[in-house]
Amino acid sequence: MAKKNKEPGRIAQLLQIYKMTMAADKTAIWWALLALAIGALAGVVSGATLGSATTAGFIFWIVTGVLLGFLSGLLVMSRKAEAVAYGQIEGQPGAVSAVMRSALKRGWRGSEVPVAVNRNHDAVYRAIGPSGVVLIGEGVRSRVKLMLEDERRKVQRAIPGVEVKFIYVTQDAEGTRLLKLAPTLLKLKRVLNRNEVAVVDKRL
């Protein structure tokens, strides 16, 4: 039997992602190298001041600085890769589902499947968490607004008094960028505790 093609390993996948990121964002590698350089410089300065008494102490601080710089560089590249990935799908129908699938943190519940879609592919997604029920509209604002209001009425019929907030991921000046959706969601005012989130989720 023919051998199945092996899936690339984790390191190979990361390298592939970073190559794609650098191709799309020419500044990514320079920001990563800057983070590495700052970490290494901090290690040298710390070694010269805090670890100058012994050679081992001096080496320890330099190695620590380089490692911190390397990790900072990886973090920068990861953020740049995320921005590139979201930029490639932003504005496309279903783009919000990628955020709902991968970026919602613990304490939030949501589905990558929209709760409402119209024939123009405008969609409404629902997230439930510490900030209550958040309805996320994707598409053209004028059409999405009507869909959001309709979904708000449905939610408030099921759970009277629950707070419902809107986020517009729309192609206009006031719309939330796809990359900013998860941070925007997490910054909303907290109104529910963990038990209340579970109750609301069950009712809906």
Protein backbone atom coordinates (compact mmCIF):
# COMPACT_ATOMS: atom_id res chain seq x y z
CA MET A 1 0.00 0.00 0.00
CA ALA A 2 1.22 3.51 -0.73
CA LYS A 3 2.27 5.48 2.28
CA LYS A 4 0.04 8.35 3.22
CA ASN A 5 1.58 11.79 2.97
CA LYS A 6 2.74 12.92 6.37
CA GLU A 7 1.23 16.04 7.86
CA PRO A 8 3.86 18.74 8.48
CA GLY A 9 5.08 18.95 12.07
CA ARG A 10 4.29 21.81 14.42
CA ILE A 11 7.57 23.64 13.74
CA ALA A 12 7.14 23.23 9.97
CA GLN A 13 3.60 24.61 10.24
CA LEU A 14 4.82 27.61 12.23
CA LEU A 15 7.56 28.31 9.72
CA GLN A 16 5.04 28.12 6.89
CA ILE A 17 2.70 30.52 8.70
CA TYR A 18 5.54 32.95 9.42
CA LYS A 19 6.70 32.86 5.79
CA MET A 20 3.18 33.70 4.63
CA THR A 21 3.01 36.47 7.22
CA MET A 22 6.30 38.01 6.10
CA ALA A 23 5.17 37.84 2.47
CA ALA A 24 1.97 39.73 3.32
CA ASP A 25 3.47 42.12 5.92
CA LYS A 26 7.02 43.22 5.16
CA THR A 27 7.37 44.88 8.57
CA ALA A 28 6.65 41.72 10.57
CA ILE A 29 10.22 40.38 10.60
CA TRP A 30 11.64 43.78 11.59
CA TRP A 31 9.29 44.11 14.55
CA ALA A 32 10.17 40.56 15.63
CA LEU A 33 13.92 41.30 15.35
CA LEU A 34 13.43 44.51 17.31
CA ALA A 35 11.75 42.56 20.12
CA LEU A 36 14.64 40.07 20.10
CA ALA A 37 17.22 42.88 20.16
CA ILE A 38 15.50 44.65 23.06
CA GLY A 39 15.46 41.42 25.08
CA ALA A 40 19.12 40.71 24.34
CA LEU A 41 20.11 44.29 25.20
CA ALA A 42 18.16 44.11 28.45
CA GLY A 43 20.02 40.89 29.27
CA VAL A 44 23.41 42.50 28.65
CA VAL A 45 22.53 45.55 30.76
CA SER A 46 21.20 43.35 33.57
CA GLY A 47 24.30 41.15 33.37
CA ALA A 48 26.58 44.16 33.56
CA THR A 49 24.78 45.58 36.59
CA LEU A 50 23.09 42.76 38.53
CA GLY A 51 25.36 39.88 37.53
CA SER A 52 28.69 41.63 37.26
CA ALA A 53 30.03 40.03 40.45
CA THR A 54 30.49 36.62 38.82
CA THR A 55 30.93 35.30 35.28
CA ALA A 56 28.09 32.84 35.83
CA GLY A 57 25.75 35.64 36.86
CA PHE A 58 26.70 37.72 33.83
CA ILE A 59 26.07 34.76 31.46
CA PHE A 60 22.79 33.93 33.20
CA TRP A 61 21.35 37.39 32.61
CA ILE A 62 22.46 37.47 28.97
CA VAL A 63 20.90 34.06 28.27
CA THR A 64 17.72 35.10 30.08
CA GLY A 65 17.51 38.29 28.03
CA VAL A 66 18.01 36.46 24.75
CA LEU A 67 15.33 33.90 25.64
CA LEU A 68 12.87 36.63 26.63
CA GLY A 69 13.67 38.48 23.42
CA PHE A 70 13.12 35.31 21.39
CA LEU A 71 9.76 34.68 23.06
CA SER A 72 8.78 38.32 22.49
CA GLY A 73 9.70 37.96 18.83
CA LEU A 74 7.53 34.85 18.51
CA LEU A 75 4.64 36.72 20.16
CA VAL A 76 5.04 39.61 17.72
CA MET A 77 5.04 37.21 14.76
CA SER A 78 1.97 35.42 16.12
CA ARG A 79 0.08 38.71 16.43
CA LYS A 80 1.15 39.73 12.94
CA ALA A 81 0.09 36.32 11.57
CA GLU A 82 -3.31 36.72 13.21
CA ALA A 83 -3.72 40.19 11.70
CA VAL A 84 -2.78 38.89 8.24
CA ALA A 85 -5.16 35.92 8.53
CA TYR A 86 -8.10 38.11 9.59
CA GLY A 87 -7.22 40.68 6.94
CA GLN A 88 -7.49 38.04 4.22
CA ILE A 89 -11.04 37.07 5.16
CA GLU A 90 -12.35 40.41 6.41
CA GLY A 91 -15.46 41.52 4.55
CA GLN A 92 -16.28 38.03 3.34
CA PRO A 93 -19.54 36.34 4.39
CA GLY A 94 -18.89 34.10 7.40
CA ALA A 95 -15.69 35.86 8.51
CA VAL A 96 -17.09 36.38 12.02
CA SER A 97 -17.44 32.61 12.40
CA ALA A 98 -13.62 32.33 12.40
CA VAL A 99 -13.46 34.60 15.46
CA MET A 100 -16.33 32.80 17.18
CA ARG A 101 -14.56 29.50 16.61
CA SER A 102 -11.07 30.42 17.77
CA ALA A 103 -10.93 33.71 19.68
CA LEU A 104 -13.65 33.47 22.33
CA LYS A 105 -12.02 33.02 25.71
CA ARG A 106 -13.15 30.99 28.69
CA GLY A 107 -16.41 32.19 30.20
CA TRP A 108 -17.93 33.00 26.81
CA ARG A 109 -20.25 30.76 24.84
CA GLY A 110 -21.00 31.21 21.21
CA SER A 111 -21.41 29.32 17.98
CA GLU A 112 -19.66 29.76 14.65
CA VAL A 113 -23.08 29.13 13.06
CA PRO A 114 -25.11 32.36 12.81
CA VAL A 115 -28.54 32.55 14.44
CA ALA A 116 -29.90 34.50 11.47
CA VAL A 117 -28.89 34.89 7.80
CA ASN A 118 -30.64 36.71 4.98
CA ARG A 119 -30.49 36.19 1.23
CA ASN A 120 -27.75 38.85 0.94
CA HIS A 121 -25.56 36.78 3.29
CA ASP A 122 -25.79 39.33 6.10
CA ALA A 123 -25.67 37.40 9.36
CA VAL A 124 -26.18 37.69 13.11
CA TYR A 125 -24.11 35.70 15.60
CA ARG A 126 -24.85 35.35 19.30
CA ALA A 127 -22.32 35.24 22.14
CA ILE A 128 -23.24 34.76 25.79
CA GLY A 129 -20.85 35.66 28.57
CA PRO A 130 -20.12 37.97 31.51
CA SER A 131 -21.36 40.95 29.48
CA GLY A 132 -24.75 39.35 28.91
CA VAL A 133 -26.02 38.49 25.44
CA VAL A 134 -24.03 40.09 22.64
CA LEU A 135 -25.43 40.02 19.11
CA ILE A 136 -22.82 40.48 16.38
CA GLY A 137 -24.00 41.74 13.03
CA GLU A 138 -21.98 41.02 9.89
CA GLY A 139 -22.69 42.63 6.54
CA VAL A 140 -24.31 45.90 5.49
CA ARG A 141 -25.24 48.04 8.50
CA SER A 142 -28.71 49.12 7.30
CA ARG A 143 -29.80 45.52 6.77
CA VAL A 144 -27.95 44.12 9.77
CA LYS A 145 -29.56 46.65 12.12
CA LEU A 146 -33.04 45.30 11.38
CA MET A 147 -31.84 41.72 11.90
CA LEU A 148 -30.21 42.63 15.21
CA GLU A 149 -33.37 44.29 16.50
CA ASP A 150 -35.40 41.24 15.51
CA GLU A 151 -33.01 38.92 17.35
CA ARG A 152 -33.03 41.21 20.39
CA ARG A 153 -36.81 40.86 20.62
CA LYS A 154 -36.51 37.08 20.45
CA VAL A 155 -33.90 37.00 23.22
CA GLN A 156 -35.90 39.33 25.48
CA ARG A 157 -39.04 37.25 24.98
CA ALA A 158 -37.13 34.17 26.10
CA ILE A 159 -35.36 35.91 28.99
CA PRO A 160 -37.05 39.19 29.99
CA GLY A 161 -34.67 41.72 31.51
CA VAL A 162 -31.44 40.24 30.18
CA GLU A 163 -29.05 42.82 28.78
CA VAL A 164 -28.51 42.60 25.03
CA LYS A 165 -25.68 44.46 23.32
CA PHE A 166 -24.86 44.93 19.63
CA ILE A 167 -21.53 44.83 17.81
CA TYR A 168 -21.44 45.75 14.13
CA VAL A 169 -18.77 44.07 12.00
CA THR A 170 -19.63 46.11 8.95
CA GLN A 171 -17.74 47.80 6.14
CA ASP A 172 -18.21 51.39 7.29
CA ALA A 173 -16.35 53.93 9.41
CA GLU A 174 -18.17 52.96 12.61
CA GLY A 175 -17.93 49.20 12.13
CA THR A 176 -15.67 47.03 14.30
CA ARG A 177 -12.72 45.51 12.45
CA LEU A 178 -12.62 41.72 12.46
CA LEU A 179 -9.26 41.75 14.25
CA LYS A 180 -10.75 43.92 17.01
CA LEU A 181 -13.90 41.85 17.49
CA ALA A 182 -12.64 39.56 20.27
CA PRO A 183 -10.96 42.39 22.27
CA THR A 184 -14.10 44.54 21.89
CA LEU A 185 -16.26 41.69 23.16
CA LEU A 186 -14.04 41.08 26.18
CA LYS A 187 -13.95 44.78 27.13
CA LEU A 188 -17.71 45.09 27.49
CA LYS A 189 -19.06 45.78 30.98
CA ARG A 190 -19.61 42.63 33.06
CA VAL A 191 -23.22 42.10 34.14
CA LEU A 192 -23.50 38.32 34.69
CA ASN A 193 -21.66 35.83 36.87
CA ARG A 194 -20.72 32.31 35.77
CA ASN A 195 -23.95 30.71 37.04
CA GLU A 196 -26.10 33.33 35.36
CA VAL A 197 -24.23 32.84 32.08
CA ALA A 198 -25.03 29.11 32.27
CA VAL A 199 -28.72 29.83 32.92
CA VAL A 200 -29.01 32.28 30.02
CA ASP A 201 -27.21 29.91 27.70
CA LYS A 202 -29.53 27.06 28.64
CA ARG A 203 -32.65 29.18 28.14
CA LEU A 204 -31.52 30.27 24.68
